[in-house]
């Protein structure tokens, strides 16, 4: 199993010019954020649930919490500026890199609004969405069967 921080750094390493993971300030659901921070957390979330759908286990153990703009990992949200400034190369197993490369390609043309909307359809986020002020921890394992059904087409299309 890998760490979410390493997955985040891997995604960032693929966008050296910071086109996708930028520092543009956007406002969505009455919350100002860096567009790239929103995008990075959605990539992490979708990587996690698609990996769970395919392999029946988590890619990483870090917890997602339910925020207004969808699932996020607090440590990534809070350290986004530090992580993006470093531009580190990450050593991940080749199987994980191949998986993440496919997720990256699948999501790179989506807008941050579209990514937010996708994550707002997640059953666990919906269940907790009335309490996002308190950022409750999401229990993704309860939804593995849903993820298998929901992401079956994506898994087949990406040949994951």
C-alpha atoms as a PDB file:
ATOM      1  CA  UNK A   1       0.000   0.000   0.000  1.00  0.00           C
ATOM      2  CA  UNK A   2       1.192   3.516  -0.779  1.00  0.00           C
ATOM      3  CA  UNK A   3       0.606   6.870   0.947  1.00  0.00           C
ATOM      4  CA  UNK A   4      -1.800   9.503  -0.338  1.00  0.00           C
ATOM      5  CA  UNK A   5       1.006  12.042  -0.097  1.00  0.00           C
ATOM      6  CA  UNK A   6       3.082   9.986  -2.553  1.00  0.00           C
ATOM      7  CA  UNK A   7       0.135   9.591  -4.926  1.00  0.00           C
ATOM      8  CA  UNK A   8      -0.440  13.360  -4.770  1.00  0.00           C
ATOM      9  CA  UNK A   9       3.226  14.030  -5.514  1.00  0.00           C
ATOM     10  CA  UNK A  10       3.102  11.580  -8.412  1.00  0.00           C
ATOM     11  CA  UNK A  11       0.138  13.382  -9.962  1.00  0.00           C
ATOM     12  CA  UNK A  12       1.898  16.706  -9.431  1.00  0.00           C
ATOM     13  CA  UNK A  13       5.049  15.381 -11.119  1.00  0.00           C
ATOM     14  CA  UNK A  14       3.007  14.746 -14.271  1.00  0.00           C
ATOM     15  CA  UNK A  15       1.960  18.419 -14.443  1.00  0.00           C
ATOM     16  CA  UNK A  16       5.301  20.203 -14.244  1.00  0.00           C
ATOM     17  CA  UNK A  17       3.891  23.443 -15.709  1.00  0.00           C
ATOM     18  CA  UNK A  18       1.046  23.454 -13.167  1.00  0.00           C
ATOM     19  CA  UNK A  19      -1.661  23.732 -15.778  1.00  0.00           C
ATOM     20  CA  UNK A  20      -3.983  21.343 -13.939  1.00  0.00           C
ATOM     21  CA  UNK A  21      -2.690  21.725 -10.397  1.00  0.00           C
ATOM     22  CA  UNK A  22      -2.489  25.503 -10.377  1.00  0.00           C
ATOM     23  CA  UNK A  23      -2.883  28.216  -7.748  1.00  0.00           C
ATOM     24  CA  UNK A  24      -5.860  29.967  -9.314  1.00  0.00           C
ATOM     25  CA  UNK A  25      -8.242  30.982  -6.553  1.00  0.00           C
ATOM     26  CA  UNK A  26     -11.809  29.872  -7.196  1.00  0.00           C
ATOM     27  CA  UNK A  27     -14.970  30.066  -5.132  1.00  0.00           C
ATOM     28  CA  UNK A  28     -17.345  27.136  -5.056  1.00  0.00           C
ATOM     29  CA  UNK A  29     -20.060  26.432  -2.480  1.00  0.00           C
ATOM     30  CA  UNK A  30     -19.054  29.563  -0.534  1.00  0.00           C
ATOM     31  CA  UNK A  31     -15.508  28.284  -0.074  1.00  0.00           C
ATOM     32  CA  UNK A  32     -12.412  29.851  -1.642  1.00  0.00           C
ATOM     33  CA  UNK A  33      -9.756  27.363  -2.658  1.00  0.00           C
ATOM     34  CA  UNK A  34      -6.924  26.816  -5.066  1.00  0.00           C
ATOM     35  CA  UNK A  35      -8.328  25.217  -8.197  1.00  0.00           C
ATOM     36  CA  UNK A  36      -5.387  22.801  -8.239  1.00  0.00           C
ATOM     37  CA  UNK A  37      -6.018  21.768  -4.637  1.00  0.00           C
ATOM     38  CA  UNK A  38      -9.619  20.904  -5.476  1.00  0.00           C
ATOM     39  CA  UNK A  39      -8.480  18.977  -8.540  1.00  0.00           C
ATOM     40  CA  UNK A  40      -5.740  17.092  -6.675  1.00  0.00           C
ATOM     41  CA  UNK A  41      -8.101  15.927  -3.948  1.00  0.00           C
ATOM     42  CA  UNK A  42     -10.645  14.762  -6.523  1.00  0.00           C
ATOM     43  CA  UNK A  43      -7.911  12.822  -8.357  1.00  0.00           C
ATOM     44  CA  UNK A  44      -6.961  11.204  -5.056  1.00  0.00           C
ATOM     45  CA  UNK A  45     -10.551  10.342  -4.227  1.00  0.00           C
ATOM     46  CA  UNK A  46     -11.340   8.908  -7.635  1.00  0.00           C
ATOM     47  CA  UNK A  47      -8.068   6.958  -7.624  1.00  0.00           C
ATOM     48  CA  UNK A  48      -9.025   5.476  -4.268  1.00  0.00           C
ATOM     49  CA  UNK A  49     -12.579   4.437  -5.181  1.00  0.00           C
ATOM     50  CA  UNK A  50     -11.668   3.114  -8.642  1.00  0.00           C
ATOM     51  CA  UNK A  51      -8.801   1.131  -7.096  1.00  0.00           C
ATOM     52  CA  UNK A  52     -11.212  -0.240  -4.490  1.00  0.00           C
ATOM     53  CA  UNK A  53     -13.693  -1.132  -7.241  1.00  0.00           C
ATOM     54  CA  UNK A  54     -11.032  -3.008  -9.187  1.00  0.00           C
ATOM     55  CA  UNK A  55      -9.010  -4.640  -6.404  1.00  0.00           C
ATOM     56  CA  UNK A  56     -11.412  -4.723  -3.427  1.00  0.00           C
ATOM     57  CA  UNK A  57      -8.970  -2.873  -1.172  1.00  0.00           C
ATOM     58  CA  UNK A  58      -7.675   0.625  -0.578  1.00  0.00           C
ATOM     59  CA  UNK A  59      -4.805   2.118  -2.538  1.00  0.00           C
ATOM     60  CA  UNK A  60      -3.779   4.118   0.558  1.00  0.00           C
ATOM     61  CA  UNK A  61      -4.961   4.303   4.181  1.00  0.00           C
ATOM     62  CA  UNK A  62      -5.362   8.075   4.494  1.00  0.00           C
ATOM     63  CA  UNK A  63      -8.892   9.129   5.416  1.00  0.00           C
ATOM     64  CA  UNK A  64     -11.117  11.322   3.317  1.00  0.00           C
ATOM     65  CA  UNK A  65     -13.406  13.786   5.023  1.00  0.00           C
ATOM     66  CA  UNK A  66     -16.605  15.276   3.640  1.00  0.00           C
ATOM     67  CA  UNK A  67     -16.095  18.957   2.776  1.00  0.00           C
ATOM     68  CA  UNK A  68     -18.497  21.279   0.959  1.00  0.00           C
ATOM     69  CA  UNK A  69     -16.702  20.694  -2.327  1.00  0.00           C
ATOM     70  CA  UNK A  70     -16.539  16.937  -1.914  1.00  0.00           C
ATOM     71  CA  UNK A  71     -14.122  14.462  -0.348  1.00  0.00           C
ATOM     72  CA  UNK A  72     -10.677  15.690   0.633  1.00  0.00           C
ATOM     73  CA  UNK A  73      -7.693  14.519   2.633  1.00  0.00           C
ATOM     74  CA  UNK A  74      -7.058  17.215   5.250  1.00  0.00           C
ATOM     75  CA  UNK A  75      -3.271  16.862   5.145  1.00  0.00           C
ATOM     76  CA  UNK A  76      -3.235  17.357   1.374  1.00  0.00           C
ATOM     77  CA  UNK A  77      -5.577  20.362   1.566  1.00  0.00           C
ATOM     78  CA  UNK A  78      -3.523  21.969   4.321  1.00  0.00           C
ATOM     79  CA  UNK A  79      -0.118  21.270   2.716  1.00  0.00           C
ATOM     80  CA  UNK A  80      -0.994  21.883  -0.935  1.00  0.00           C
ATOM     81  CA  UNK A  81       1.282  24.928  -1.310  1.00  0.00           C
ATOM     82  CA  UNK A  82       4.212  23.077   0.271  1.00  0.00           C
ATOM     83  CA  UNK A  83       3.686  19.925  -1.800  1.00  0.00           C
ATOM     84  CA  UNK A  84       3.395  21.840  -5.097  1.00  0.00           C
ATOM     85  CA  UNK A  85       6.506  23.923  -4.382  1.00  0.00           C
ATOM     86  CA  UNK A  86       8.753  20.862  -3.978  1.00  0.00           C
ATOM     87  CA  UNK A  87       8.173  19.174  -7.351  1.00  0.00           C
ATOM     88  CA  UNK A  88       9.517  15.853  -6.060  1.00  0.00           C
ATOM     89  CA  UNK A  89       9.955  12.641  -7.999  1.00  0.00           C
ATOM     90  CA  UNK A  90       8.219   9.733  -6.315  1.00  0.00           C
ATOM     91  CA  UNK A  91       9.203   6.083  -6.394  1.00  0.00           C
ATOM     92  CA  UNK A  92       6.025   4.022  -6.680  1.00  0.00           C
ATOM     93  CA  UNK A  93       5.636   0.440  -7.897  1.00  0.00           C
ATOM     94  CA  UNK A  94       5.215   0.303 -11.686  1.00  0.00           C
ATOM     95  CA  UNK A  95       1.761  -1.310 -11.380  1.00  0.00           C
ATOM     96  CA  UNK A  96       0.576   1.635  -9.255  1.00  0.00           C
ATOM     97  CA  UNK A  97       2.137   4.160 -11.665  1.00  0.00           C
ATOM     98  CA  UNK A  98       0.352   2.535 -14.600  1.00  0.00           C
ATOM     99  CA  UNK A  99      -2.950   2.682 -12.709  1.00  0.00           C
ATOM    100  CA  UNK A 100      -2.416   6.343 -11.744  1.00  0.00           C
ATOM    101  CA  UNK A 101      -1.367   7.256 -15.285  1.00  0.00           C
ATOM    102  CA  UNK A 102      -4.684   5.936 -16.574  1.00  0.00           C
ATOM    103  CA  UNK A 103      -6.638   7.882 -13.942  1.00  0.00           C
ATOM    104  CA  UNK A 104      -4.667  11.027 -14.773  1.00  0.00           C
ATOM    105  CA  UNK A 105      -5.438  10.703 -18.486  1.00  0.00           C
ATOM    106  CA  UNK A 106      -9.114   9.974 -17.798  1.00  0.00           C
ATOM    107  CA  UNK A 107      -9.500  13.117 -15.662  1.00  0.00           C
ATOM    108  CA  UNK A 108      -7.164  15.655 -17.248  1.00  0.00           C
ATOM    109  CA  UNK A 109      -9.840  17.240 -19.459  1.00  0.00           C
ATOM    110  CA  UNK A 110     -12.459  17.469 -16.716  1.00  0.00           C
ATOM    111  CA  UNK A 111     -13.034  20.865 -15.136  1.00  0.00           C
ATOM    112  CA  UNK A 112     -12.810  21.235 -11.383  1.00  0.00           C
ATOM    113  CA  UNK A 113     -16.589  21.844 -11.399  1.00  0.00           C
ATOM    114  CA  UNK A 114     -17.150  18.519 -13.142  1.00  0.00           C
ATOM    115  CA  UNK A 115     -14.866  16.740 -10.680  1.00  0.00           C
ATOM    116  CA  UNK A 116     -16.768  18.261  -7.765  1.00  0.00           C
ATOM    117  CA  UNK A 117     -20.071  17.139  -9.278  1.00  0.00           C
ATOM    118  CA  UNK A 118     -18.773  13.583  -9.749  1.00  0.00           C
ATOM    119  CA  UNK A 119     -17.702  13.380  -6.109  1.00  0.00           C
ATOM    120  CA  UNK A 120     -20.985  14.925  -4.948  1.00  0.00           C
ATOM    121  CA  UNK A 121     -22.686  11.825  -6.372  1.00  0.00           C
ATOM    122  CA  UNK A 122     -20.718   9.547  -4.035  1.00  0.00           C
ATOM    123  CA  UNK A 123     -23.085   7.734  -1.631  1.00  0.00           C
ATOM    124  CA  UNK A 124     -20.850   8.245   1.404  1.00  0.00           C
ATOM    125  CA  UNK A 125     -20.419  11.970   0.686  1.00  0.00           C
ATOM    126  CA  UNK A 126     -24.192  12.341   0.207  1.00  0.00           C
ATOM    127  CA  UNK A 127     -24.802  10.619   3.549  1.00  0.00           C
ATOM    128  CA  UNK A 128     -22.457  13.070   5.315  1.00  0.00           C
ATOM    129  CA  UNK A 129     -23.113  16.195   3.233  1.00  0.00           C
ATOM    130  CA  UNK A 130     -25.381  17.839   5.816  1.00  0.00           C
ATOM    131  CA  UNK A 131     -22.472  17.893   8.265  1.00  0.00           C
ATOM    132  CA  UNK A 132     -19.547  19.097   6.114  1.00  0.00           C
ATOM    133  CA  UNK A 133     -18.862  21.936   8.552  1.00  0.00           C
ATOM    134  CA  UNK A 134     -17.490  19.296  10.940  1.00  0.00           C
ATOM    135  CA  UNK A 135     -15.622  17.453   8.145  1.00  0.00           C
ATOM    136  CA  UNK A 136     -16.706  13.929   9.123  1.00  0.00           C
ATOM    137  CA  UNK A 137     -14.496  11.000   8.114  1.00  0.00           C
ATOM    138  CA  UNK A 138     -15.883   9.047   5.184  1.00  0.00           C
ATOM    139  CA  UNK A 139     -16.134   5.261   5.417  1.00  0.00           C
ATOM    140  CA  UNK A 140     -15.464   4.233   1.828  1.00  0.00           C
ATOM    141  CA  UNK A 141     -15.260   0.513   2.590  1.00  0.00           C
ATOM    142  CA  UNK A 142     -19.010   0.442   3.173  1.00  0.00           C
ATOM    143  CA  UNK A 143     -19.480   1.300  -0.496  1.00  0.00           C
ATOM    144  CA  UNK A 144     -17.131  -1.125  -2.289  1.00  0.00           C
ATOM    145  CA  UNK A 145     -19.999  -2.954  -3.998  1.00  0.00           C
ATOM    146  CA  UNK A 146     -21.445   0.365  -5.156  1.00  0.00           C
ATOM    147  CA  UNK A 147     -18.028   1.411  -6.486  1.00  0.00           C
ATOM    148  CA  UNK A 148     -17.668  -1.889  -8.370  1.00  0.00           C
ATOM    149  CA  UNK A 149     -20.949  -1.161 -10.122  1.00  0.00           C
ATOM    150  CA  UNK A 150     -20.442   2.605 -10.531  1.00  0.00           C
ATOM    151  CA  UNK A 151     -16.924   2.435 -11.987  1.00  0.00           C
ATOM    152  CA  UNK A 152     -17.174  -0.820 -13.964  1.00  0.00           C
ATOM    153  CA  UNK A 153     -17.391   1.016 -17.296  1.00  0.00           C
ATOM    154  CA  UNK A 154     -14.436   3.253 -16.479  1.00  0.00           C
ATOM    155  CA  UNK A 155     -12.322   0.278 -15.433  1.00  0.00           C
ATOM    156  CA  UNK A 156     -13.166  -1.513 -18.671  1.00  0.00           C
ATOM    157  CA  UNK A 157     -12.567   1.587 -20.819  1.00  0.00           C
ATOM    158  CA  UNK A 158      -9.194   2.292 -19.218  1.00  0.00           C
ATOM    159  CA  UNK A 159      -8.195  -1.398 -19.250  1.00  0.00           C
ATOM    160  CA  UNK A 160      -7.208  -1.182 -15.617  1.00  0.00           C
END
